[in-house]
Amino acid sequence: MIFGLVFALLIAAFPQDNSADSKVAMHAAQDAYERHHQAALRINDLAARIHSPADAEAMVAEIATLFQNELPPLWATGAIRQRVARAEYEAVGDPPKLIPEQRIANVWNEYVREIGGSEEAIVSVAEIHNMRDGLFTVSQSMWERGHQTIWTMPDMFALGADGKVANGCRALDAIRVIHDLDGFFQNLISARERLNKGIVASEEFKKRTAKPTPPPRTVSRIETRPRPNPMRPAEQRYVQEHGSLAFAQLLTRLFYELFPAN
């Protein structure tokens, strides 16, 4: 969604400008989006047909290449990628080896407390599951409608026999949860609100799509801005007090707790 929106905004930014610089920027944006789109197609295809450790390694390598400019050097190392790939392969080949949502909650909550984060950021297993259900529902819908990016790949999720997200995660599924808890805190808030209202996104989506499309009508609504991410001040404060090396060591330790050797 993010890359799609950025691409749309870039197109809107140059509707009447025929200068050479604008055309170059437009082509660069189109090329960047198409490269991302093709990478997402390849990675989602790989995620759907992992039958060997080599398949999992190929998928992780594709992702590392896509984010090579954003990943810290430590996270791009072969040892890190191999551990993620092994966890991915084991989870796909042996459902009991899915990464428990409880482990993800434990690792995240340990991180929040280590850096002195707000209690608001502490998560429960139910909140993680509801958030994953929402992410999968949106990803599946958008992918089918042609919005195919790294953020909308439906085949990265671990699913149960009922077609809904399982109670455990594949490796990339787990990383996506941690990524969103840290970077898109509003996703947790939304899941928390749905839980309080007894709403499951996948079930609500099925109900709405099963109903006939109502005639268009004019409505008014009040929109609220997402609340600030409470993790940012805590992370900055931790780095200031302990240093960037200590922060990197903390992340590494938590990574190995999320993906243990055995």
Protein backbone atom coordinates (compact mmCIF):
# COMPACT_ATOMS: atom_id res chain seq x y z
CA MET A 1 0.00 0.00 0.00
CA ILE A 2 2.77 2.39 0.93
CA PHE A 3 4.59 2.05 -2.38
CA GLY A 4 1.31 2.25 -4.29
CA LEU A 5 0.31 5.44 -2.53
CA VAL A 6 3.73 7.01 -3.05
CA PHE A 7 3.54 6.16 -6.74
CA ALA A 8 0.06 7.69 -6.99
CA LEU A 9 1.23 10.85 -5.25
CA LEU A 10 4.21 11.14 -7.58
CA ILE A 11 1.90 10.90 -10.58
CA ALA A 12 -0.39 13.55 -9.11
CA ALA A 13 2.56 15.82 -8.41
CA PHE A 14 3.48 16.20 -12.10
CA PRO A 15 0.19 16.35 -14.05
CA GLN A 16 0.87 19.61 -15.92
CA ASP A 17 4.65 19.80 -15.78
CA ASN A 18 6.32 18.77 -19.02
CA SER A 19 9.85 19.76 -18.07
CA ALA A 20 12.69 17.31 -18.65
CA ASP A 21 13.35 17.02 -14.90
CA SER A 22 9.72 16.15 -14.20
CA LYS A 23 9.69 13.49 -16.88
CA VAL A 24 12.87 11.97 -15.51
CA ALA A 25 11.38 11.92 -12.01
CA MET A 26 8.20 10.35 -13.36
CA HIS A 27 10.10 7.60 -15.16
CA ALA A 28 12.25 6.97 -12.10
CA ALA A 29 9.14 6.60 -9.94
CA GLN A 30 7.54 4.24 -12.45
CA ASP A 31 10.70 2.16 -12.71
CA ALA A 32 11.05 1.96 -8.90
CA TYR A 33 7.44 0.90 -8.46
CA GLU A 34 7.67 -1.71 -11.21
CA ARG A 35 10.85 -3.18 -9.73
CA HIS A 36 9.15 -3.40 -6.34
CA HIS A 37 6.04 -4.90 -7.92
CA GLN A 38 8.01 -7.59 -9.75
CA ALA A 39 9.99 -8.39 -6.59
CA ALA A 40 6.76 -8.74 -4.62
CA LEU A 41 5.37 -11.14 -7.23
CA ARG A 42 8.51 -13.28 -7.07
CA ILE A 43 8.66 -13.31 -3.26
CA ASN A 44 4.97 -14.12 -2.85
CA ASP A 45 5.35 -16.95 -5.38
CA LEU A 46 8.35 -18.30 -3.46
CA ALA A 47 6.41 -18.05 -0.19
CA ALA A 48 3.64 -20.20 -1.67
CA ARG A 49 5.92 -23.05 -2.72
CA ILE A 50 8.62 -23.62 -0.14
CA HIS A 51 9.55 -27.29 -0.35
CA SER A 52 13.21 -27.20 0.68
CA PRO A 53 15.68 -25.13 2.70
CA ALA A 54 16.98 -23.76 -0.62
CA ASP A 55 13.51 -22.40 -1.45
CA ALA A 56 13.35 -20.58 1.88
CA GLU A 57 16.87 -19.23 1.44
CA ALA A 58 15.97 -17.93 -2.02
CA MET A 59 12.96 -16.08 -0.63
CA VAL A 60 14.90 -14.50 2.23
CA ALA A 61 17.67 -13.49 -0.20
CA GLU A 62 15.11 -11.75 -2.42
CA ILE A 63 13.82 -9.76 0.54
CA ALA A 64 17.33 -8.87 1.70
CA THR A 65 18.12 -7.62 -1.80
CA LEU A 66 14.93 -5.56 -1.93
CA PHE A 67 15.72 -3.86 1.38
CA GLN A 68 19.51 -3.81 1.08
CA ASN A 69 19.65 -0.02 1.49
CA GLU A 70 17.42 -0.04 4.58
CA LEU A 71 18.74 -3.05 6.49
CA PRO A 72 21.44 -2.44 9.12
CA PRO A 73 24.66 -4.32 8.23
CA LEU A 74 24.11 -6.88 11.01
CA TRP A 75 20.69 -7.88 9.68
CA ALA A 76 22.05 -8.44 6.20
CA THR A 77 24.61 -11.01 7.27
CA GLY A 78 24.46 -14.58 6.04
CA ALA A 79 24.04 -15.98 9.57
CA ILE A 80 20.95 -13.89 10.23
CA ARG A 81 19.41 -14.74 6.88
CA GLN A 82 20.11 -18.44 7.31
CA ARG A 83 18.40 -18.51 10.68
CA VAL A 84 15.32 -16.78 9.30
CA ALA A 85 15.28 -19.11 6.28
CA ARG A 86 15.57 -22.20 8.50
CA ALA A 87 12.71 -21.01 10.71
CA GLU A 88 10.62 -20.30 7.61
CA TYR A 89 11.24 -23.75 6.12
CA GLU A 90 10.56 -25.56 9.39
CA ALA A 91 7.31 -23.65 9.96
CA VAL A 92 6.04 -24.46 6.47
CA GLY A 93 7.03 -28.12 6.57
CA ASP A 94 5.99 -28.84 10.15
CA PRO A 95 3.02 -26.82 11.52
CA PRO A 96 3.90 -27.61 15.18
CA LYS A 97 7.08 -25.62 14.54
CA LEU A 98 5.19 -22.44 13.76
CA ILE A 99 6.44 -19.57 15.91
CA PRO A 100 3.92 -19.24 18.76
CA GLU A 101 2.18 -15.90 19.06
CA GLN A 102 2.98 -16.10 22.78
CA ARG A 103 6.72 -16.06 21.97
CA ILE A 104 6.26 -13.00 19.77
CA ALA A 105 4.36 -11.26 22.56
CA ASN A 106 7.05 -12.20 25.09
CA VAL A 107 9.88 -10.89 22.90
CA TRP A 108 8.08 -7.66 22.07
CA ASN A 109 7.06 -6.99 25.67
CA GLU A 110 10.63 -7.65 26.81
CA TYR A 111 11.80 -5.06 24.28
CA VAL A 112 9.25 -2.51 25.48
CA ARG A 113 10.27 -2.94 29.11
CA GLU A 114 14.02 -2.98 28.35
CA ILE A 115 13.89 0.41 26.67
CA GLY A 116 11.41 1.86 29.17
CA GLY A 117 8.51 2.06 26.75
CA SER A 118 4.94 2.96 27.63
CA GLU A 119 2.65 0.30 29.10
CA GLU A 120 0.35 1.11 26.20
CA ALA A 121 2.79 -0.77 23.97
CA ILE A 122 2.55 -4.02 25.94
CA VAL A 123 0.65 -6.57 23.85
CA SER A 124 -1.38 -9.70 24.51
CA VAL A 125 -1.57 -12.82 22.37
CA ALA A 126 -5.17 -11.99 21.51
CA GLU A 127 -4.13 -8.56 20.22
CA ILE A 128 -1.38 -10.03 18.06
CA HIS A 129 -3.77 -12.60 16.60
CA ASN A 130 -6.42 -10.00 15.85
CA MET A 131 -3.82 -7.74 14.26
CA ARG A 132 -2.54 -10.60 12.06
CA ASP A 133 -6.10 -11.44 11.07
CA GLY A 134 -6.60 -7.84 9.97
CA LEU A 135 -3.29 -7.69 8.10
CA PHE A 136 -4.03 -10.92 6.24
CA THR A 137 -7.57 -9.85 5.35
CA VAL A 138 -6.39 -6.53 3.92
CA SER A 139 -3.40 -8.11 2.15
CA GLN A 140 -5.50 -10.80 0.50
CA SER A 141 -8.11 -8.30 -0.68
CA MET A 142 -5.61 -5.80 -2.04
CA TRP A 143 -3.47 -8.45 -3.73
CA GLU A 144 -6.50 -9.80 -5.56
CA ARG A 145 -7.38 -6.25 -6.67
CA GLY A 146 -3.93 -5.75 -8.18
CA HIS A 147 -2.24 -3.82 -5.36
CA GLN A 148 0.70 -6.21 -5.22
CA THR A 149 3.58 -5.00 -3.06
CA ILE A 150 5.83 -6.46 -0.41
CA TRP A 151 3.32 -5.22 2.19
CA THR A 152 0.32 -7.01 0.69
CA MET A 153 1.70 -10.51 0.04
CA PRO A 154 -0.96 -12.97 1.26
CA ASP A 155 1.15 -16.12 0.96
CA MET A 156 3.58 -15.12 3.72
CA PHE A 157 0.96 -15.79 6.41
CA ALA A 158 0.56 -19.09 8.24
CA LEU A 159 -3.02 -20.30 7.80
CA GLY A 160 -5.09 -22.93 9.55
CA ALA A 161 -7.39 -25.52 7.96
CA ASP A 162 -10.22 -22.96 8.05
CA GLY A 163 -8.28 -20.53 5.85
CA LYS A 164 -7.79 -18.05 8.68
CA VAL A 165 -4.47 -17.08 10.22
CA ALA A 166 -3.09 -19.84 12.43
CA ASN A 167 -2.20 -19.39 16.09
CA GLY A 168 1.47 -19.57 15.13
CA CYS A 169 3.53 -17.68 12.58
CA ARG A 170 5.94 -18.35 9.79
CA ALA A 171 9.24 -16.50 10.12
CA LEU A 172 8.36 -13.60 7.81
CA ASP A 173 4.90 -13.46 9.33
CA ALA A 174 6.50 -13.00 12.77
CA ILE A 175 8.92 -10.35 11.49
CA ARG A 176 6.00 -8.46 9.95
CA VAL A 177 4.24 -8.43 13.34
CA ILE A 178 7.32 -7.00 15.09
CA HIS A 179 7.82 -4.52 12.26
CA ASP A 180 4.27 -3.22 12.54
CA LEU A 181 4.27 -3.10 16.34
CA ASP A 182 7.33 -0.86 16.15
CA GLY A 183 6.67 1.11 12.98
CA PHE A 184 2.88 1.17 12.60
CA PHE A 185 1.62 1.38 16.16
CA GLN A 186 -1.84 2.32 14.93
CA ASN A 187 -2.27 -1.28 13.72
CA LEU A 188 -2.05 -2.45 17.34
CA ILE A 189 -4.49 0.24 18.46
CA SER A 190 -6.95 -0.82 15.76
CA ALA A 191 -6.66 -4.49 16.77
CA ARG A 192 -7.19 -3.53 20.41
CA GLU A 193 -10.31 -1.58 19.51
CA ARG A 194 -11.67 -4.46 17.43
CA LEU A 195 -11.13 -6.86 20.32
CA ASN A 196 -12.99 -4.57 22.69
CA LYS A 197 -15.90 -4.53 20.24
CA GLY A 198 -15.76 -8.27 19.56
CA ILE A 199 -14.86 -7.73 15.89
CA VAL A 200 -12.77 -10.14 13.82
CA ALA A 201 -11.69 -8.43 10.60
CA SER A 202 -11.88 -11.54 8.39
CA GLU A 203 -15.41 -12.37 9.55
CA GLU A 204 -16.56 -8.78 9.18
CA PHE A 205 -15.12 -8.66 5.66
CA LYS A 206 -17.01 -11.80 4.66
CA LYS A 207 -20.26 -10.39 6.02
CA ARG A 208 -19.85 -7.17 4.09
CA THR A 209 -18.88 -8.82 0.79
CA ALA A 210 -21.80 -11.24 1.08
CA LYS A 211 -24.33 -8.40 1.24
CA PRO A 212 -25.64 -6.68 -1.92
CA THR A 213 -23.90 -3.40 -2.64
CA PRO A 214 -26.13 -0.63 -1.25
CA PRO A 215 -26.95 2.41 -3.39
CA PRO A 216 -24.51 5.30 -2.96
CA ARG A 217 -25.41 7.83 -0.31
CA THR A 218 -23.89 10.94 1.15
CA VAL A 219 -22.46 10.53 4.62
CA SER A 220 -20.44 12.68 6.97
CA ARG A 221 -17.83 11.38 9.34
CA ILE A 222 -15.25 12.55 11.80
CA GLU A 223 -11.70 11.39 11.16
CA THR A 224 -9.11 11.28 13.90
CA ARG A 225 -5.39 11.39 13.34
CA PRO A 226 -3.37 8.38 14.44
CA ARG A 227 -1.88 8.91 17.87
CA PRO A 228 1.89 9.38 18.10
CA ASN A 229 3.98 6.22 18.25
CA PRO A 230 5.01 5.85 21.94
CA MET A 231 8.02 3.72 20.98
CA ARG A 232 9.99 6.53 19.33
CA PRO A 233 10.74 8.60 22.46
CA ALA A 234 11.65 5.45 24.41
CA GLU A 235 14.01 4.22 21.68
CA GLN A 236 15.70 7.60 21.36
CA ARG A 237 16.08 7.89 25.12
CA TYR A 238 17.58 4.40 25.35
CA VAL A 239 20.16 5.16 22.65
CA GLN A 240 21.07 8.45 24.30
CA GLU A 241 21.54 6.81 27.70
CA HIS A 242 23.16 3.51 26.65
CA GLY A 243 24.56 4.12 23.19
CA SER A 244 23.85 2.69 19.77
CA LEU A 245 26.04 -0.38 20.35
CA ALA A 246 24.01 -1.42 23.41
CA PHE A 247 20.83 -0.90 21.40
CA ALA A 248 22.15 -3.11 18.59
CA GLN A 249 23.14 -5.78 21.11
CA LEU A 250 19.65 -5.68 22.63
CA LEU A 251 18.05 -6.17 19.21
CA THR A 252 20.39 -9.04 18.43
CA ARG A 253 19.60 -10.80 21.70
CA LEU A 254 15.87 -10.44 21.12
CA PHE A 255 16.25 -11.69 17.56
CA TYR A 256 17.82 -14.92 18.82
CA GLU A 257 15.02 -15.28 21.36
CA LEU A 258 12.48 -14.97 18.56
CA PHE A 259 14.41 -17.44 16.39
CA PRO A 260 16.18 -19.81 18.78
CA ALA A 261 18.73 -22.29 17.48
CA ASN A 262 16.66 -25.34 18.47
